[in-house]
Amino acid sequence: MILINLLPYREERRKRRKAAFFAGLGLAGLAGAGLVVAAYLLLQFLTTEQQAHNQYIQAEISRLESQIKDIANLKAEIESLKSRQRAVEDLQTDRNTPVQLLNDLARLAPEGIYLTAIRQADKVVTVNGIAQTNERVSEFLRNVSRTSEWLEKPDLIEVKLANVSTNTRDQRRLLEFSMKVSIKAPPRDAAAGASAPKKG
């Protein structure tokens, strides 16, 4: 017996194709929505990570700025302490200056030179004295100029004859001189060494 299908098979096939098309379209829409959601979640995750990283960097920057301020404060304190130390060293040096000045003048004055007056005005010292000869005065000036640790730039102001009577019978012709000399700042280590007490 032969069976013949009299139903419109073309229409059935069209329906099936249509259903398959809509099913595929739905699956594609779901897949696209899934990709969009996945991309959105990935972007959210990356944004959160970047924000956390930015916050960490900002915190580190704030910490470093605080450290930089501390370093600047320390540098200012160090400079203040150094200036105080310099002031103390200068005071120590100034305290020892008269002693060193008298020491130097006594050491540098050659035989035949007698100092009669010493006056200091700031860093300039005026020395008055009596000499037996001009050569003694020149030698004194050379000594001050070349070998003094504390004095420099000797400048002879005047030399004049002075009659000094040693007794009633003897009158010697001596020279009265006046000179200016500058006090030079000694090296800090020399000043510190001079001011430090000696251990015996």
Protein backbone atom coordinates (compact mmCIF):
# COMPACT_ATOMS: atom_id res chain seq x y z
CA MET A 1 0.00 0.00 0.00
CA ILE A 2 1.41 3.39 -0.90
CA LEU A 3 1.03 6.28 1.56
CA ILE A 4 0.79 9.74 0.10
CA ASN A 5 1.20 12.81 2.26
CA LEU A 6 -1.25 15.39 1.12
CA LEU A 7 -0.30 18.00 3.80
CA PRO A 8 1.43 21.19 2.58
CA TYR A 9 5.01 20.18 3.37
CA ARG A 10 6.51 23.40 2.07
CA GLU A 11 4.67 25.41 4.64
CA GLU A 12 5.80 23.10 7.42
CA ARG A 13 9.38 23.42 6.30
CA ARG A 14 9.04 27.22 6.23
CA LYS A 15 7.69 27.20 9.81
CA ARG A 16 10.54 25.03 10.96
CA ARG A 17 13.06 27.31 9.31
CA LYS A 18 11.39 30.33 10.84
CA ALA A 19 11.44 28.76 14.30
CA ALA A 20 15.09 27.79 13.85
CA PHE A 21 15.92 31.35 12.73
CA PHE A 22 14.22 32.91 15.76
CA ALA A 23 15.86 30.38 18.04
CA GLY A 24 19.26 31.25 16.56
CA LEU A 25 18.46 34.93 16.82
CA GLY A 26 17.54 34.49 20.50
CA LEU A 27 20.72 32.53 21.19
CA ALA A 28 22.80 35.23 19.43
CA GLY A 29 21.03 37.92 21.47
CA LEU A 30 21.73 36.02 24.68
CA ALA A 31 25.36 35.51 23.69
CA GLY A 32 25.69 39.23 22.85
CA ALA A 33 24.08 40.24 26.13
CA GLY A 34 26.42 37.87 27.96
CA LEU A 35 29.43 39.42 26.23
CA VAL A 36 28.23 42.92 27.09
CA VAL A 37 27.69 41.95 30.73
CA ALA A 38 31.10 40.25 30.84
CA ALA A 39 32.78 43.31 29.30
CA TYR A 40 30.96 45.61 31.75
CA LEU A 41 32.01 43.47 34.72
CA LEU A 42 35.60 43.39 33.43
CA LEU A 43 35.62 47.17 33.06
CA GLN A 44 34.18 47.54 36.57
CA PHE A 45 36.89 45.25 37.95
CA LEU A 46 39.66 47.10 36.11
CA THR A 47 38.24 50.48 37.23
CA THR A 48 38.11 49.32 40.84
CA GLU A 49 41.67 48.01 40.62
CA GLN A 50 42.88 51.26 39.06
CA GLN A 51 41.11 53.32 41.73
CA ALA A 52 42.70 51.20 44.46
CA HIS A 53 46.09 51.66 42.76
CA ASN A 54 45.52 55.42 42.50
CA GLN A 55 44.57 55.60 46.18
CA TYR A 56 47.72 53.68 47.09
CA ILE A 57 49.85 56.03 44.98
CA GLN A 58 48.13 59.06 46.55
CA ALA A 59 48.77 57.70 50.03
CA GLU A 60 52.43 57.09 49.17
CA ILE A 61 52.71 60.61 47.72
CA SER A 62 51.24 62.06 50.92
CA ARG A 63 53.65 59.99 53.01
CA LEU A 64 56.61 61.11 50.90
CA GLU A 65 55.50 64.75 51.09
CA SER A 66 55.37 64.43 54.86
CA GLN A 67 58.87 62.93 54.86
CA ILE A 68 60.10 65.72 52.57
CA LYS A 69 58.68 68.30 55.00
CA ASP A 70 60.42 66.49 57.87
CA ILE A 71 63.68 66.50 55.91
CA ALA A 72 63.29 70.22 55.16
CA ASN A 73 62.65 70.87 58.86
CA LEU A 74 65.72 68.80 59.78
CA LYS A 75 67.84 70.72 57.28
CA ALA A 76 66.61 74.00 58.75
CA GLU A 77 67.42 72.76 62.27
CA ILE A 78 70.88 71.61 61.13
CA GLU A 79 71.57 75.02 59.55
CA SER A 80 70.38 76.72 62.74
CA LEU A 81 72.66 74.51 64.84
CA LYS A 82 75.58 75.19 62.48
CA SER A 83 75.04 78.94 62.72
CA ARG A 84 74.91 78.67 66.52
CA GLN A 85 78.10 76.62 66.48
CA ARG A 86 79.79 79.23 64.29
CA ALA A 87 78.62 81.98 66.65
CA VAL A 88 80.03 80.10 69.66
CA GLU A 89 83.32 79.46 67.83
CA ASP A 90 83.55 83.14 66.86
CA LEU A 91 82.92 84.16 70.47
CA GLN A 92 85.56 81.67 71.61
CA THR A 93 88.02 83.05 69.07
CA ASP A 94 87.23 86.65 70.04
CA ARG A 95 87.74 85.76 73.68
CA ASN A 96 91.24 84.48 72.93
CA THR A 97 92.16 87.27 70.52
CA PRO A 98 93.74 89.67 73.08
CA VAL A 99 95.92 86.89 74.49
CA GLN A 100 97.01 85.76 71.03
CA LEU A 101 97.58 89.37 69.99
CA LEU A 102 99.88 90.10 72.92
CA ASN A 103 101.63 86.76 72.44
CA ASP A 104 102.27 87.48 68.77
CA LEU A 105 103.49 91.04 69.36
CA ALA A 106 105.86 89.89 72.13
CA ARG A 107 107.20 87.07 69.96
CA LEU A 108 107.61 89.18 66.82
CA ALA A 109 109.14 92.32 68.38
CA PRO A 110 112.91 92.12 67.83
CA GLU A 111 115.48 93.19 70.36
CA GLY A 112 115.64 96.96 70.52
CA ILE A 113 111.86 97.45 70.13
CA TYR A 114 109.82 98.56 73.13
CA LEU A 115 106.05 98.74 72.84
CA THR A 116 104.43 101.60 74.73
CA ALA A 117 100.76 101.41 73.71
CA ILE A 118 98.41 98.98 72.01
CA ARG A 119 94.87 99.99 71.01
CA GLN A 120 92.35 97.77 69.24
CA ALA A 121 89.35 99.06 67.26
CA ASP A 122 87.35 96.18 65.80
CA LYS A 123 89.89 94.21 63.72
CA VAL A 124 92.54 96.93 63.51
CA VAL A 125 95.25 97.33 66.13
CA THR A 126 97.35 100.48 66.55
CA VAL A 127 100.78 99.82 68.06
CA ASN A 128 103.00 102.57 69.43
CA GLY A 129 106.56 101.95 70.50
CA ILE A 130 110.14 103.06 70.72
CA ALA A 131 112.94 101.61 68.60
CA GLN A 132 116.68 101.98 68.70
CA THR A 133 117.05 102.15 64.89
CA ASN A 134 115.02 102.24 61.70
CA GLU A 135 116.26 98.73 60.93
CA ARG A 136 114.56 97.42 64.08
CA VAL A 137 111.24 98.94 62.95
CA SER A 138 111.66 97.40 59.49
CA GLU A 139 112.46 94.02 61.02
CA PHE A 140 109.37 94.25 63.22
CA LEU A 141 107.21 95.01 60.17
CA ARG A 142 108.74 92.08 58.26
CA ASN A 143 108.15 89.71 61.18
CA VAL A 144 104.51 90.72 61.44
CA SER A 145 104.00 90.45 57.68
CA ARG A 146 105.68 87.05 57.20
CA THR A 147 105.47 84.93 60.33
CA SER A 148 102.42 86.04 62.29
CA GLU A 149 99.48 83.64 62.56
CA TRP A 150 97.10 86.28 63.90
CA LEU A 151 98.26 89.57 62.36
CA GLU A 152 98.50 90.79 58.78
CA LYS A 153 98.90 93.91 56.64
CA PRO A 154 101.23 95.95 58.86
CA ASP A 155 101.16 99.64 57.92
CA LEU A 156 103.73 102.07 59.31
CA ILE A 157 102.04 105.36 60.16
CA GLU A 158 105.01 107.45 61.30
CA VAL A 159 108.53 107.31 62.66
CA LYS A 160 109.98 110.33 64.49
CA LEU A 161 112.88 111.14 66.72
CA ALA A 162 112.24 110.86 70.42
CA ASN A 163 114.74 111.97 73.03
CA VAL A 164 114.40 109.67 76.00
CA SER A 165 116.59 110.41 78.98
CA THR A 166 117.78 107.29 80.73
CA ASN A 167 119.46 109.25 83.52
CA THR A 168 120.66 112.76 84.15
CA ARG A 169 123.94 112.35 82.21
CA ASP A 170 122.96 110.02 79.33
CA GLN A 171 120.57 111.03 76.56
CA ARG A 172 119.98 108.51 73.78
CA ARG A 173 118.49 109.28 70.42
CA LEU A 174 115.67 106.82 69.91
CA LEU A 175 112.86 106.57 67.37
CA GLU A 176 109.20 106.74 68.24
CA PHE A 177 107.02 104.80 65.79
CA SER A 178 103.36 104.11 65.24
CA MET A 179 101.88 101.35 63.07
CA LYS A 180 98.56 99.76 62.27
CA VAL A 181 98.04 96.07 61.81
CA SER A 182 94.95 93.97 61.03
CA ILE A 183 93.83 90.92 62.97
CA LYS A 184 93.21 88.05 60.60
CA ALA A 185 90.70 85.32 61.29
CA PRO A 186 92.62 82.14 62.13
CA PRO A 187 91.50 78.75 60.82
CA ARG A 188 88.60 77.34 62.84
CA ASP A 189 90.53 74.26 63.87
CA ALA A 190 93.41 76.42 65.11
CA ALA A 191 90.99 78.59 67.06
CA ALA A 192 89.32 75.52 68.53
CA GLY A 193 92.71 74.08 69.44
CA ALA A 194 93.75 77.31 71.10
CA SER A 195 90.56 77.47 73.10
CA ALA A 196 90.54 73.81 74.16
CA PRO A 197 91.99 73.17 77.62
CA LYS A 198 95.27 71.27 77.63
CA LYS A 199 95.30 67.95 79.42
CA GLY A 200 98.23 67.50 81.75
